[in-house]
Amino acid sequence: MTCLGERLRRVPAPVVDAGLAVALAVAVTIGIRVATGPGKPPDALAYACGLIIAALALVRRRWPLGVLLASAAALQIYYLSQYTSTYPAVPLSVALATAWAAGHRRWSLVVTAWYVIGPLAYAVSQLSEETRTPLTLLGDAVSNTAMFAAVLVLGEAVRSRRALAAEQQRSERLLLNVLPAPIAERLKAGEAVIADAFPEVTVLFADLVDFTRSSRRSSPA
């Protein structure tokens, strides 16, 4: 498992972003295709909104908050166009987790609350015109909340891992300021007592004539 993690960390960032964009595009396309609900059937514009959100994953590292807001705007256009419903956590997953990991937690919570409370409030307002029971509405809200919570937990895990890695780098720099690099490496490898033996050593004691008086007259430079 450790070897797999090391290999994944060595994958270039553009490759990771491209893979996430492709996976997100497939997930959104499948979600739009199989989702059922009120509204007109999806057309090219509906799929275009999903592909725009997927394409934004390519620049998520550089502008995490911008990508999140742009993705939320594209998803809102999708819903306002009365297309068939799909879970909002699917297209927003990459942008939401990245923004949370980058520290934009307040904006992430605002977007999450909008897509959890908004649909629920709309469904409640239309309850008298539909046959859906309050229990069904509650189930939909719980499933949406659970999916968003899973995405935010993923973002928190990434943020904690980055913070831990930064703290480890800080500790290593401090250790290298105190000890030579070879000794520091041996300490990190778990060697508790470092005592090297040298069977053949030559020691030279040298006394420089008039060194004390000369050093008094000389500046440090």
N, C-alpha and C. Protein backbone atom coordinates (compact mmCIF):
# COMPACT_ATOMS: atom_id res chain seq x y z
N MET A 1 0.83 -1.20 0.00
CA MET A 1 0.00 0.00 0.00
C MET A 1 0.87 1.26 0.00
N THR A 2 1.97 1.21 0.76
CA THR A 2 2.88 2.35 0.79
C THR A 2 3.52 2.57 -0.56
N CYS A 3 3.92 1.49 -1.23
CA CYS A 3 4.54 1.59 -2.56
C CYS A 3 3.55 2.20 -3.55
N LEU A 4 2.27 1.81 -3.45
CA LEU A 4 1.27 2.36 -4.35
C LEU A 4 1.11 3.86 -4.12
N GLY A 5 1.11 4.27 -2.85
CA GLY A 5 1.01 5.69 -2.54
C GLY A 5 2.19 6.47 -3.07
N GLU A 6 3.41 5.90 -2.95
CA GLU A 6 4.60 6.57 -3.47
C GLU A 6 4.51 6.72 -4.98
N ARG A 7 4.02 5.69 -5.68
CA ARG A 7 3.89 5.78 -7.14
C ARG A 7 2.88 6.82 -7.54
N LEU A 8 1.76 6.92 -6.80
CA LEU A 8 0.75 7.91 -7.13
C LEU A 8 1.29 9.32 -6.92
N ARG A 9 2.12 9.51 -5.90
CA ARG A 9 2.68 10.84 -5.66
C ARG A 9 3.66 11.25 -6.74
N ARG A 10 4.25 10.27 -7.42
CA ARG A 10 5.20 10.59 -8.49
C ARG A 10 4.51 10.91 -9.81
N VAL A 11 3.21 10.68 -9.91
CA VAL A 11 2.49 10.98 -11.15
C VAL A 11 2.42 12.49 -11.32
N PRO A 12 2.76 13.03 -12.50
CA PRO A 12 2.72 14.48 -12.70
C PRO A 12 1.32 15.03 -12.47
N ALA A 13 1.27 16.26 -11.94
CA ALA A 13 -0.02 16.89 -11.63
C ALA A 13 -0.91 17.03 -12.86
N PRO A 14 -0.40 17.44 -14.06
CA PRO A 14 -1.28 17.53 -15.22
C PRO A 14 -1.93 16.20 -15.58
N VAL A 15 -1.21 15.10 -15.39
CA VAL A 15 -1.79 13.78 -15.68
C VAL A 15 -2.93 13.48 -14.72
N VAL A 16 -2.72 13.82 -13.43
CA VAL A 16 -3.77 13.60 -12.44
C VAL A 16 -5.00 14.43 -12.77
N ASP A 17 -4.79 15.71 -13.12
CA ASP A 17 -5.92 16.58 -13.44
C ASP A 17 -6.67 16.09 -14.68
N ALA A 18 -5.92 15.65 -15.70
CA ALA A 18 -6.56 15.15 -16.90
C ALA A 18 -7.38 13.89 -16.61
N GLY A 19 -6.83 13.01 -15.78
CA GLY A 19 -7.57 11.80 -15.41
C GLY A 19 -8.84 12.12 -14.64
N LEU A 20 -8.75 13.09 -13.71
CA LEU A 20 -9.94 13.50 -12.96
C LEU A 20 -10.98 14.13 -13.88
N ALA A 21 -10.53 14.93 -14.85
CA ALA A 21 -11.47 15.55 -15.77
C ALA A 21 -12.21 14.51 -16.60
N VAL A 22 -11.49 13.51 -17.09
CA VAL A 22 -12.12 12.45 -17.88
C VAL A 22 -13.10 11.66 -17.02
N ALA A 23 -12.67 11.29 -15.82
CA ALA A 23 -13.55 10.53 -14.93
C ALA A 23 -14.80 11.33 -14.57
N LEU A 24 -14.62 12.63 -14.33
CA LEU A 24 -15.77 13.47 -13.99
C LEU A 24 -16.71 13.63 -15.17
N ALA A 25 -16.16 13.76 -16.37
CA ALA A 25 -17.00 13.86 -17.56
C ALA A 25 -17.83 12.60 -17.75
N VAL A 26 -17.22 11.44 -17.55
CA VAL A 26 -17.95 10.17 -17.67
C VAL A 26 -19.04 10.07 -16.61
N ALA A 27 -18.69 10.45 -15.36
CA ALA A 27 -19.67 10.36 -14.27
C ALA A 27 -20.86 11.29 -14.51
N VAL A 28 -20.57 12.53 -14.97
CA VAL A 28 -21.66 13.47 -15.23
C VAL A 28 -22.53 13.00 -16.38
N THR A 29 -21.91 12.48 -17.43
CA THR A 29 -22.67 11.99 -18.57
C THR A 29 -23.58 10.83 -18.18
N ILE A 30 -23.04 9.90 -17.39
CA ILE A 30 -23.87 8.79 -16.93
C ILE A 30 -24.99 9.29 -16.02
N GLY A 31 -24.65 10.24 -15.13
CA GLY A 31 -25.67 10.78 -14.22
C GLY A 31 -26.80 11.46 -14.97
N ILE A 32 -26.48 12.23 -16.00
CA ILE A 32 -27.52 12.88 -16.79
C ILE A 32 -28.32 11.86 -17.58
N ARG A 33 -27.64 10.83 -18.03
CA ARG A 33 -28.29 9.85 -18.89
C ARG A 33 -29.32 9.01 -18.12
N VAL A 34 -28.97 8.60 -16.92
CA VAL A 34 -29.82 7.67 -16.19
C VAL A 34 -30.73 8.38 -15.18
N ALA A 35 -30.51 9.67 -14.92
CA ALA A 35 -31.32 10.36 -13.92
C ALA A 35 -32.76 10.51 -14.41
N THR A 36 -33.67 10.40 -13.48
CA THR A 36 -35.08 10.59 -13.79
C THR A 36 -35.62 11.72 -12.91
N GLY A 37 -36.58 12.45 -13.43
CA GLY A 37 -37.15 13.54 -12.66
C GLY A 37 -37.89 14.48 -13.57
N PRO A 38 -38.54 15.49 -13.00
CA PRO A 38 -39.30 16.44 -13.82
C PRO A 38 -38.38 17.29 -14.67
N GLY A 39 -38.96 17.83 -15.76
CA GLY A 39 -38.19 18.70 -16.64
C GLY A 39 -38.02 18.09 -18.00
N LYS A 40 -37.46 18.88 -18.91
CA LYS A 40 -37.30 18.40 -20.28
C LYS A 40 -36.12 17.45 -20.37
N PRO A 41 -36.11 16.54 -21.34
CA PRO A 41 -35.00 15.61 -21.48
C PRO A 41 -33.72 16.34 -21.85
N PRO A 42 -32.57 15.82 -21.44
CA PRO A 42 -31.32 16.53 -21.71
C PRO A 42 -30.97 16.57 -23.18
N ASP A 43 -30.40 17.67 -23.61
CA ASP A 43 -29.94 17.80 -24.99
C ASP A 43 -28.46 18.17 -24.97
N ALA A 44 -27.98 18.72 -26.08
CA ALA A 44 -26.55 19.03 -26.18
C ALA A 44 -26.12 20.07 -25.15
N LEU A 45 -27.01 21.03 -24.84
CA LEU A 45 -26.65 22.06 -23.86
C LEU A 45 -26.49 21.47 -22.47
N ALA A 46 -27.34 20.50 -22.13
CA ALA A 46 -27.24 19.86 -20.81
C ALA A 46 -25.90 19.15 -20.68
N TYR A 47 -25.52 18.38 -21.69
CA TYR A 47 -24.23 17.69 -21.63
C TYR A 47 -23.07 18.67 -21.68
N ALA A 48 -23.26 19.80 -22.37
CA ALA A 48 -22.20 20.81 -22.44
C ALA A 48 -21.93 21.39 -21.06
N CYS A 49 -22.99 21.63 -20.26
CA CYS A 49 -22.78 22.14 -18.90
C CYS A 49 -21.97 21.15 -18.08
N GLY A 50 -22.28 19.86 -18.23
CA GLY A 50 -21.52 18.85 -17.50
C GLY A 50 -20.08 18.78 -17.94
N LEU A 51 -19.84 18.90 -19.25
CA LEU A 51 -18.47 18.84 -19.76
C LEU A 51 -17.67 20.09 -19.36
N ILE A 52 -18.35 21.23 -19.24
CA ILE A 52 -17.68 22.45 -18.77
C ILE A 52 -17.18 22.25 -17.35
N ILE A 53 -18.03 21.68 -16.50
CA ILE A 53 -17.62 21.41 -15.12
C ILE A 53 -16.44 20.44 -15.11
N ALA A 54 -16.47 19.43 -15.97
CA ALA A 54 -15.36 18.48 -16.03
C ALA A 54 -14.08 19.16 -16.50
N ALA A 55 -14.21 20.05 -17.48
CA ALA A 55 -13.02 20.74 -18.00
C ALA A 55 -12.41 21.66 -16.95
N LEU A 56 -13.22 22.20 -16.07
CA LEU A 56 -12.69 23.08 -15.02
C LEU A 56 -11.76 22.34 -14.07
N ALA A 57 -11.88 21.01 -14.02
CA ALA A 57 -11.00 20.23 -13.15
C ALA A 57 -9.54 20.36 -13.57
N LEU A 58 -9.29 20.77 -14.81
CA LEU A 58 -7.92 20.90 -15.29
C LEU A 58 -7.19 22.07 -14.65
N VAL A 59 -7.92 23.06 -14.14
CA VAL A 59 -7.28 24.23 -13.54
C VAL A 59 -7.64 24.34 -12.06
N ARG A 60 -8.06 23.25 -11.46
CA ARG A 60 -8.51 23.29 -10.07
C ARG A 60 -7.37 23.61 -9.11
N ARG A 61 -6.14 23.24 -9.42
CA ARG A 61 -5.02 23.49 -8.51
C ARG A 61 -4.66 24.97 -8.46
N ARG A 62 -4.79 25.64 -9.60
CA ARG A 62 -4.36 27.03 -9.68
C ARG A 62 -5.41 27.97 -9.10
N TRP A 63 -6.67 27.71 -9.39
CA TRP A 63 -7.76 28.57 -8.92
C TRP A 63 -8.83 27.70 -8.26
N PRO A 64 -8.59 27.20 -7.06
CA PRO A 64 -9.57 26.29 -6.43
C PRO A 64 -10.92 26.93 -6.16
N LEU A 65 -10.92 28.19 -5.66
CA LEU A 65 -12.19 28.84 -5.37
C LEU A 65 -12.90 29.23 -6.66
N GLY A 66 -12.16 29.73 -7.64
CA GLY A 66 -12.76 30.10 -8.92
C GLY A 66 -13.39 28.92 -9.62
N VAL A 67 -12.71 27.78 -9.58
CA VAL A 67 -13.24 26.57 -10.21
C VAL A 67 -14.51 26.12 -9.50
N LEU A 68 -14.53 26.23 -8.17
CA LEU A 68 -15.72 25.82 -7.42
C LEU A 68 -16.91 26.71 -7.78
N LEU A 69 -16.72 28.02 -7.81
CA LEU A 69 -17.82 28.93 -8.11
C LEU A 69 -18.28 28.77 -9.56
N ALA A 70 -17.34 28.59 -10.48
CA ALA A 70 -17.72 28.40 -11.89
C ALA A 70 -18.47 27.08 -12.08
N SER A 71 -18.04 26.04 -11.37
CA SER A 71 -18.74 24.75 -11.46
C SER A 71 -20.15 24.87 -10.89
N ALA A 72 -20.28 25.57 -9.76
CA ALA A 72 -21.61 25.75 -9.17
C ALA A 72 -22.50 26.57 -10.10
N ALA A 73 -21.94 27.57 -10.78
CA ALA A 73 -22.73 28.37 -11.72
C ALA A 73 -23.19 27.53 -12.91
N ALA A 74 -22.31 26.70 -13.46
CA ALA A 74 -22.70 25.84 -14.57
C ALA A 74 -23.77 24.84 -14.15
N LEU A 75 -23.65 24.32 -12.94
CA LEU A 75 -24.66 23.38 -12.45
C LEU A 75 -26.00 24.08 -12.22
N GLN A 76 -25.94 25.34 -11.78
CA GLN A 76 -27.17 26.10 -11.57
C GLN A 76 -27.87 26.36 -12.89
N ILE A 77 -27.09 26.65 -13.94
CA ILE A 77 -27.67 26.83 -15.28
C ILE A 77 -28.36 25.55 -15.72
N TYR A 78 -27.75 24.42 -15.42
CA TYR A 78 -28.33 23.12 -15.77
C TYR A 78 -29.70 22.95 -15.11
N TYR A 79 -29.80 23.31 -13.82
CA TYR A 79 -31.07 23.13 -13.11
C TYR A 79 -32.11 24.16 -13.54
N LEU A 80 -31.69 25.41 -13.75
CA LEU A 80 -32.63 26.43 -14.17
C LEU A 80 -33.18 26.16 -15.56
N SER A 81 -32.46 25.39 -16.35
CA SER A 81 -32.94 25.02 -17.68
C SER A 81 -33.94 23.88 -17.64
N GLN A 82 -34.27 23.42 -16.41
CA GLN A 82 -35.28 22.38 -16.19
C GLN A 82 -34.91 21.06 -16.86
N TYR A 83 -33.61 20.73 -16.78
CA TYR A 83 -33.21 19.41 -17.26
C TYR A 83 -33.48 18.37 -16.20
N THR A 84 -33.37 17.12 -16.58
CA THR A 84 -33.59 16.05 -15.62
C THR A 84 -32.60 16.14 -14.48
N SER A 85 -33.04 15.80 -13.29
CA SER A 85 -32.22 16.03 -12.09
C SER A 85 -31.10 15.03 -11.98
N THR A 86 -30.01 15.44 -11.35
CA THR A 86 -28.89 14.56 -11.03
C THR A 86 -28.29 15.05 -9.72
N TYR A 87 -27.58 14.17 -9.03
CA TYR A 87 -27.01 14.56 -7.74
C TYR A 87 -25.97 15.65 -7.95
N PRO A 88 -26.10 16.81 -7.30
CA PRO A 88 -25.13 17.89 -7.51
C PRO A 88 -23.75 17.56 -6.98
N ALA A 89 -23.65 16.62 -6.02
CA ALA A 89 -22.34 16.28 -5.47
C ALA A 89 -21.45 15.60 -6.50
N VAL A 90 -22.05 15.02 -7.55
CA VAL A 90 -21.23 14.33 -8.56
C VAL A 90 -20.41 15.33 -9.38
N PRO A 91 -21.03 16.33 -10.04
CA PRO A 91 -20.19 17.27 -10.81
C PRO A 91 -19.37 18.21 -9.94
N LEU A 92 -19.80 18.45 -8.69
CA LEU A 92 -19.08 19.38 -7.84
C LEU A 92 -18.01 18.71 -6.99
N SER A 93 -17.87 17.40 -7.09
CA SER A 93 -17.01 16.66 -6.16
C SER A 93 -15.55 17.13 -6.22
N VAL A 94 -14.97 17.20 -7.41
CA VAL A 94 -13.56 17.55 -7.54
C VAL A 94 -13.32 19.00 -7.09
N ALA A 95 -14.17 19.91 -7.57
CA ALA A 95 -14.00 21.32 -7.22
C ALA A 95 -14.23 21.55 -5.74
N LEU A 96 -15.22 20.88 -5.18
CA LEU A 96 -15.55 21.09 -3.77
C LEU A 96 -14.45 20.56 -2.86
N ALA A 97 -13.97 19.35 -3.15
CA ALA A 97 -12.90 18.77 -2.33
C ALA A 97 -11.61 19.59 -2.44
N THR A 98 -11.30 20.08 -3.64
CA THR A 98 -10.09 20.87 -3.84
C THR A 98 -10.18 22.20 -3.11
N ALA A 99 -11.33 22.86 -3.20
CA ALA A 99 -11.49 24.14 -2.52
C ALA A 99 -11.42 23.97 -1.01
N TRP A 100 -12.01 22.91 -0.48
CA TRP A 100 -11.94 22.66 0.96
C TRP A 100 -10.49 22.39 1.38
N ALA A 101 -9.78 21.57 0.60
CA ALA A 101 -8.38 21.26 0.94
C ALA A 101 -7.50 22.49 0.86
N ALA A 102 -7.86 23.46 0.00
CA ALA A 102 -7.07 24.68 -0.14
C ALA A 102 -7.38 25.70 0.95
N GLY A 103 -8.34 25.40 1.81
CA GLY A 103 -8.64 26.30 2.92
C GLY A 103 -9.88 27.15 2.73
N HIS A 104 -10.58 27.03 1.59
CA HIS A 104 -11.79 27.82 1.35
C HIS A 104 -13.00 27.07 1.91
N ARG A 105 -12.98 26.83 3.20
CA ARG A 105 -14.02 26.02 3.81
C ARG A 105 -15.35 26.75 3.91
N ARG A 106 -15.32 28.06 4.12
CA ARG A 106 -16.57 28.81 4.25
C ARG A 106 -17.35 28.79 2.93
N TRP A 107 -16.65 29.05 1.83
CA TRP A 107 -17.31 29.01 0.53
C TRP A 107 -17.80 27.60 0.19
N SER A 108 -17.02 26.60 0.57
CA SER A 108 -17.43 25.23 0.32
C SER A 108 -18.72 24.90 1.07
N LEU A 109 -18.82 25.35 2.31
CA LEU A 109 -20.04 25.11 3.08
C LEU A 109 -21.22 25.88 2.50
N VAL A 110 -20.99 27.09 1.99
CA VAL A 110 -22.07 27.87 1.38
C VAL A 110 -22.63 27.15 0.16
N VAL A 111 -21.71 26.66 -0.71
CA VAL A 111 -22.16 25.94 -1.91
C VAL A 111 -22.88 24.65 -1.52
N THR A 112 -22.36 23.95 -0.54
CA THR A 112 -23.00 22.71 -0.10
C THR A 112 -24.39 22.99 0.44
N ALA A 113 -24.52 24.01 1.29
CA ALA A 113 -25.82 24.34 1.86
C ALA A 113 -26.82 24.74 0.76
N TRP A 114 -26.32 25.44 -0.25
CA TRP A 114 -27.22 25.87 -1.34
C TRP A 114 -27.82 24.67 -2.07
N TYR A 115 -26.99 23.68 -2.34
CA TYR A 115 -27.48 22.53 -3.11
C TYR A 115 -28.12 21.45 -2.25
N VAL A 116 -28.08 21.62 -0.94
CA VAL A 116 -28.82 20.71 -0.05
C VAL A 116 -30.15 21.33 0.36
N ILE A 117 -30.12 22.58 0.79
CA ILE A 117 -31.33 23.23 1.29
C ILE A 117 -32.21 23.73 0.14
N GLY A 118 -31.57 24.23 -0.94
CA GLY A 118 -32.34 24.77 -2.06
C GLY A 118 -33.32 23.78 -2.67
N PRO A 119 -32.84 22.61 -3.13
CA PRO A 119 -33.78 21.64 -3.70
C PRO A 119 -34.85 21.17 -2.70
N LEU A 120 -34.45 21.05 -1.43
CA LEU A 120 -35.43 20.62 -0.43
C LEU A 120 -36.52 21.66 -0.25
N ALA A 121 -36.13 22.94 -0.18
CA ALA A 121 -37.12 24.00 -0.03
C ALA A 121 -38.05 24.07 -1.25
N TYR A 122 -37.48 23.88 -2.43
CA TYR A 122 -38.32 23.91 -3.63
C TYR A 122 -39.29 22.74 -3.65
N ALA A 123 -38.84 21.55 -3.27
CA ALA A 123 -39.72 20.39 -3.26
C ALA A 123 -40.83 20.54 -2.23
N VAL A 124 -40.51 21.14 -1.09
CA VAL A 124 -41.54 21.36 -0.06
C VAL A 124 -42.58 22.36 -0.55
N SER A 125 -42.13 23.39 -1.27
CA SER A 125 -43.08 24.38 -1.77
C SER A 125 -44.00 23.80 -2.83
N GLN A 126 -43.56 22.76 -3.53
CA GLN A 126 -44.37 22.12 -4.56
C GLN A 126 -45.05 20.85 -4.06
N LEU A 127 -45.08 20.64 -2.76
CA LEU A 127 -45.57 19.38 -2.21
C LEU A 127 -47.05 19.18 -2.49
N SER A 128 -47.82 20.25 -2.46
CA SER A 128 -49.25 20.10 -2.67
C SER A 128 -49.59 19.73 -4.11
N GLU A 129 -48.69 20.00 -5.05
CA GLU A 129 -48.95 19.69 -6.45
C GLU A 129 -48.39 18.34 -6.86
N GLU A 130 -47.64 17.70 -6.01
CA GLU A 130 -47.02 16.44 -6.35
C GLU A 130 -47.48 15.36 -5.38
N THR A 131 -47.17 14.15 -5.72
CA THR A 131 -47.57 13.02 -4.88
C THR A 131 -46.48 12.58 -3.94
N ARG A 132 -45.38 13.28 -3.89
CA ARG A 132 -44.27 12.88 -3.05
C ARG A 132 -44.60 13.18 -1.59
N THR A 133 -44.27 12.26 -0.72
CA THR A 133 -44.53 12.43 0.70
C THR A 133 -43.37 13.14 1.37
N PRO A 134 -43.60 13.75 2.53
CA PRO A 134 -42.49 14.39 3.25
C PRO A 134 -41.36 13.42 3.58
N LEU A 135 -41.71 12.15 3.83
CA LEU A 135 -40.66 11.18 4.13
C LEU A 135 -39.76 10.96 2.93
N THR A 136 -40.32 10.95 1.72
CA THR A 136 -39.50 10.81 0.52
C THR A 136 -38.58 12.01 0.34
N LEU A 137 -39.12 13.20 0.59
CA LEU A 137 -38.30 14.41 0.49
C LEU A 137 -37.15 14.37 1.48
N LEU A 138 -37.43 13.89 2.68
CA LEU A 138 -36.39 13.78 3.69
C LEU A 138 -35.31 12.79 3.26
N GLY A 139 -35.71 11.69 2.64
CA GLY A 139 -34.74 10.71 2.16
C GLY A 139 -33.84 11.29 1.08
N ASP A 140 -34.43 12.07 0.17
CA ASP A 140 -33.61 12.71 -0.86
C ASP A 140 -32.61 13.69 -0.25
N ALA A 141 -33.08 14.47 0.75
CA ALA A 141 -32.19 15.44 1.39
C ALA A 141 -31.06 14.73 2.13
N VAL A 142 -31.38 13.61 2.78
CA VAL A 142 -30.35 12.87 3.51
C VAL A 142 -29.31 12.30 2.55
N SER A 143 -29.76 11.76 1.40
CA SER A 143 -28.80 11.20 0.44
C SER A 143 -27.91 12.28 -0.14
N ASN A 144 -28.49 13.46 -0.44
CA ASN A 144 -27.68 14.57 -0.93
C ASN A 144 -26.66 15.01 0.12
N THR A 145 -27.12 15.12 1.35
CA THR A 145 -26.23 15.55 2.44
C THR A 145 -25.10 14.55 2.65
N ALA A 146 -25.43 13.26 2.57
CA ALA A 146 -24.41 12.22 2.77
C ALA A 146 -23.34 12.29 1.68
N MET A 147 -23.76 12.51 0.44
CA MET A 147 -22.78 12.60 -0.65
C MET A 147 -21.89 13.82 -0.50
N PHE A 148 -22.49 14.95 -0.15
CA PHE A 148 -21.68 16.15 0.05
C PHE A 148 -20.74 15.99 1.25
N ALA A 149 -21.24 15.35 2.31
CA ALA A 149 -20.39 15.14 3.48
C ALA A 149 -19.19 14.27 3.14
N ALA A 150 -19.40 13.24 2.31
CA ALA A 150 -18.29 12.38 1.90
C ALA A 150 -17.25 13.18 1.11
N VAL A 151 -17.71 14.09 0.25
CA VAL A 151 -16.78 14.91 -0.53
C VAL A 151 -15.99 15.84 0.38
N LEU A 152 -16.66 16.45 1.36
CA LEU A 152 -15.97 17.36 2.27
C LEU A 152 -14.98 16.62 3.17
N VAL A 153 -15.33 15.40 3.57
CA VAL A 153 -14.41 14.59 4.36
C VAL A 153 -13.16 14.27 3.55
N LEU A 154 -13.34 14.00 2.26
CA LEU A 154 -12.18 13.77 1.38
C LEU A 154 -11.31 15.01 1.31
N GLY A 155 -11.94 16.19 1.18
CA GLY A 155 -11.17 17.43 1.15
C GLY A 155 -10.42 17.66 2.45
N GLU A 156 -11.04 17.34 3.58
CA GLU A 156 -10.38 17.51 4.87
C GLU A 156 -9.20 16.55 5.00
N ALA A 157 -9.35 15.33 4.48
CA ALA A 157 -8.24 14.37 4.53
C ALA A 157 -7.05 14.88 3.72
N VAL A 158 -7.32 15.45 2.55
CA VAL A 158 -6.24 16.00 1.72
C VAL A 158 -5.59 17.18 2.43
N ARG A 159 -6.40 18.05 3.06
CA ARG A 159 -5.85 19.21 3.76
C ARG A 159 -4.98 18.78 4.94
N SER A 160 -5.44 17.78 5.70
CA SER A 160 -4.66 17.29 6.84
C SER A 160 -3.35 16.66 6.38
N ARG A 161 -3.42 15.95 5.27
CA ARG A 161 -2.20 15.32 4.76
C ARG A 161 -1.18 16.36 4.31
N ARG A 162 -1.66 17.43 3.67
CA ARG A 162 -0.75 18.49 3.25
C ARG A 162 -0.14 19.18 4.46
N ALA A 163 -0.95 19.42 5.49
CA ALA A 163 -0.44 20.07 6.69
C ALA A 163 0.61 19.19 7.37
N LEU A 164 0.37 17.88 7.40
CA LEU A 164 1.33 16.96 8.00
C LEU A 164 2.63 16.94 7.20
N ALA A 165 2.51 16.93 5.87
CA ALA A 165 3.71 16.93 5.04
C ALA A 165 4.51 18.21 5.23
N ALA A 166 3.83 19.36 5.34
CA ALA A 166 4.53 20.62 5.58
C ALA A 166 5.22 20.63 6.93
N GLU A 167 4.58 20.06 7.94
CA GLU A 167 5.19 20.00 9.27
C GLU A 167 6.41 19.08 9.27
N GLN A 168 6.34 17.98 8.53
CA GLN A 168 7.49 17.08 8.42
C GLN A 168 8.66 17.77 7.73
N GLN A 169 8.38 18.52 6.68
CA GLN A 169 9.45 19.25 5.99
C GLN A 169 10.07 20.29 6.92
N ARG A 170 9.25 20.96 7.72
CA ARG A 170 9.77 21.95 8.65
C ARG A 170 10.66 21.29 9.70
N SER A 171 10.24 20.12 10.18
CA SER A 171 11.04 19.41 11.18
C SER A 171 12.36 18.93 10.59
N GLU A 172 12.33 18.48 9.34
CA GLU A 172 13.57 18.02 8.70
C GLU A 172 14.54 19.18 8.49
N ARG A 173 14.02 20.35 8.12
CA ARG A 173 14.90 21.51 7.96
C ARG A 173 15.53 21.91 9.28
N LEU A 174 14.74 21.85 10.36
CA LEU A 174 15.28 22.17 11.67
C LEU A 174 16.34 21.16 12.09
N LEU A 175 16.11 19.89 11.79
CA LEU A 175 17.08 18.86 12.14
C LEU A 175 18.38 19.04 11.37
N LEU A 176 18.28 19.44 10.10
CA LEU A 176 19.49 19.65 9.30
C LEU A 176 20.25 20.90 9.74
N ASN A 177 19.58 21.83 10.41
CA ASN A 177 20.28 23.00 10.94
C ASN A 177 21.09 22.66 12.18
N VAL A 178 20.73 21.57 12.85
CA VAL A 178 21.40 21.19 14.09
C VAL A 178 22.46 20.12 13.85
N LEU A 179 22.16 19.16 12.98
CA LEU A 179 23.04 18.01 12.77
C LEU A 179 23.46 17.91 11.31
N PRO A 180 24.60 17.27 11.05
CA PRO A 180 24.98 16.99 9.65
C PRO A 180 23.96 16.07 8.99
N ALA A 181 23.86 16.19 7.68
CA ALA A 181 22.87 15.42 6.94
C ALA A 181 23.01 13.91 7.14
N PRO A 182 24.24 13.33 7.11
CA PRO A 182 24.34 11.87 7.31
C PRO A 182 23.84 11.42 8.69
N ILE A 183 24.13 12.23 9.71
CA ILE A 183 23.67 11.89 11.06
C ILE A 183 22.15 12.01 11.16
N ALA A 184 21.59 13.05 10.51
CA ALA A 184 20.14 13.22 10.54
C ALA A 184 19.44 12.05 9.85
N GLU A 185 20.01 11.59 8.75
CA GLU A 185 19.41 10.44 8.06
C GLU A 185 19.44 9.19 8.93
N ARG A 186 20.53 9.00 9.66
CA ARG A 186 20.63 7.83 10.53
C ARG A 186 19.65 7.91 11.70
N LEU A 187 19.42 9.12 12.19
CA LEU A 187 18.42 9.29 13.25
C LEU A 187 17.02 8.99 12.74
N LYS A 188 16.71 9.46 11.52
CA LYS A 188 15.38 9.19 10.97
C LYS A 188 15.19 7.72 10.65
N ALA A 189 16.30 7.04 10.38
CA ALA A 189 16.20 5.60 10.10
C ALA A 189 15.97 4.78 11.35
N GLY A 190 16.03 5.40 12.52
CA GLY A 190 15.75 4.69 13.77
C GLY A 190 16.97 4.31 14.57
N GLU A 191 18.14 4.78 14.18
CA GLU A 191 19.37 4.47 14.92
C GLU A 191 19.42 5.34 16.17
N ALA A 192 19.27 4.73 17.35
CA ALA A 192 19.16 5.48 18.59
C ALA A 192 20.50 6.01 19.07
N VAL A 193 21.51 5.13 19.12
CA VAL A 193 22.84 5.51 19.61
C VAL A 193 23.81 5.52 18.43
N ILE A 194 24.38 6.67 18.14
CA ILE A 194 25.31 6.81 17.03
C ILE A 194 26.71 6.98 17.61
N ALA A 195 27.51 5.94 17.49
CA ALA A 195 28.90 5.96 17.97
C ALA A 195 29.73 5.16 17.00
N ASP A 196 30.55 5.83 16.22
CA ASP A 196 31.38 5.17 15.22
C ASP A 196 32.78 4.92 15.78
N ALA A 197 33.33 3.78 15.43
CA ALA A 197 34.69 3.42 15.86
C ALA A 197 35.66 3.56 14.70
N PHE A 198 36.84 4.12 14.99
CA PHE A 198 37.88 4.29 13.98
C PHE A 198 39.15 3.61 14.49
N PRO A 199 39.49 2.45 13.99
CA PRO A 199 40.63 1.70 14.54
C PRO A 199 41.98 2.38 14.29
N GLU A 200 42.11 3.13 13.21
CA GLU A 200 43.39 3.78 12.90
C GLU A 200 43.16 5.27 12.71
N VAL A 201 43.64 6.05 13.64
CA VAL A 201 43.44 7.49 13.60
C VAL A 201 44.77 8.19 13.92
N THR A 202 45.06 9.23 13.19
CA THR A 202 46.23 10.06 13.47
C THR A 202 45.76 11.39 14.02
N VAL A 203 46.27 11.77 15.18
CA VAL A 203 45.90 13.03 15.83
C VAL A 203 47.11 13.95 15.82
N LEU A 204 46.94 15.15 15.34
CA LEU A 204 48.01 16.13 15.25
C LEU A 204 47.68 17.32 16.14
N PHE A 205 48.53 17.60 17.11
CA PHE A 205 48.43 18.78 17.94
C PHE A 205 49.44 19.81 17.44
N ALA A 206 48.96 21.00 17.11
CA ALA A 206 49.85 22.04 16.57
C ALA A 206 49.72 23.29 17.42
N ASP A 207 50.86 23.91 17.71
CA ASP A 207 50.88 25.16 18.47
C ASP A 207 51.49 26.23 17.58
N LEU A 208 50.67 27.23 17.25
CA LEU A 208 51.14 28.32 16.42
C LEU A 208 51.83 29.36 17.30
N VAL A 209 53.07 29.69 16.95
CA VAL A 209 53.86 30.61 17.75
C VAL A 209 53.23 32.01 17.70
N ASP A 210 53.09 32.60 18.88
CA ASP A 210 52.59 33.96 19.03
C ASP A 210 51.16 34.12 18.49
N PHE A 211 50.37 33.04 18.54
CA PHE A 211 49.02 33.09 17.98
C PHE A 211 48.10 33.98 18.81
N THR A 212 48.21 33.91 20.15
CA THR A 212 47.32 34.69 21.02
C THR A 212 47.50 36.18 20.80
N ARG A 213 48.78 36.64 20.80
CA ARG A 213 49.03 38.06 20.60
C ARG A 213 48.60 38.50 19.21
N SER A 214 48.82 37.65 18.23
CA SER A 214 48.45 38.00 16.85
C SER A 214 46.93 38.07 16.69
N SER A 215 46.21 37.19 17.35
CA SER A 215 44.75 37.20 17.23
C SER A 215 44.15 38.41 17.91
N ARG A 216 44.79 38.95 18.93
CA ARG A 216 44.30 40.15 19.58
C ARG A 216 44.38 41.36 18.67
N ARG A 217 45.37 41.40 17.83
CA ARG A 217 45.55 42.53 16.91
C ARG A 217 44.73 42.38 15.63
N SER A 218 44.20 41.19 15.38
CA SER A 218 43.48 40.94 14.14
C SER A 218 41.97 41.08 14.36
N SER A 219 41.28 41.61 13.35
CA SER A 219 39.82 41.68 13.40
C SER A 219 39.22 40.32 13.05
N PRO A 220 37.97 40.09 13.36
CA PRO A 220 37.35 38.79 13.00
C PRO A 220 37.40 38.50 11.51
N ALA A 221 37.26 39.54 10.69
CA ALA A 221 37.33 39.31 9.26
C ALA A 221 38.71 38.84 8.85
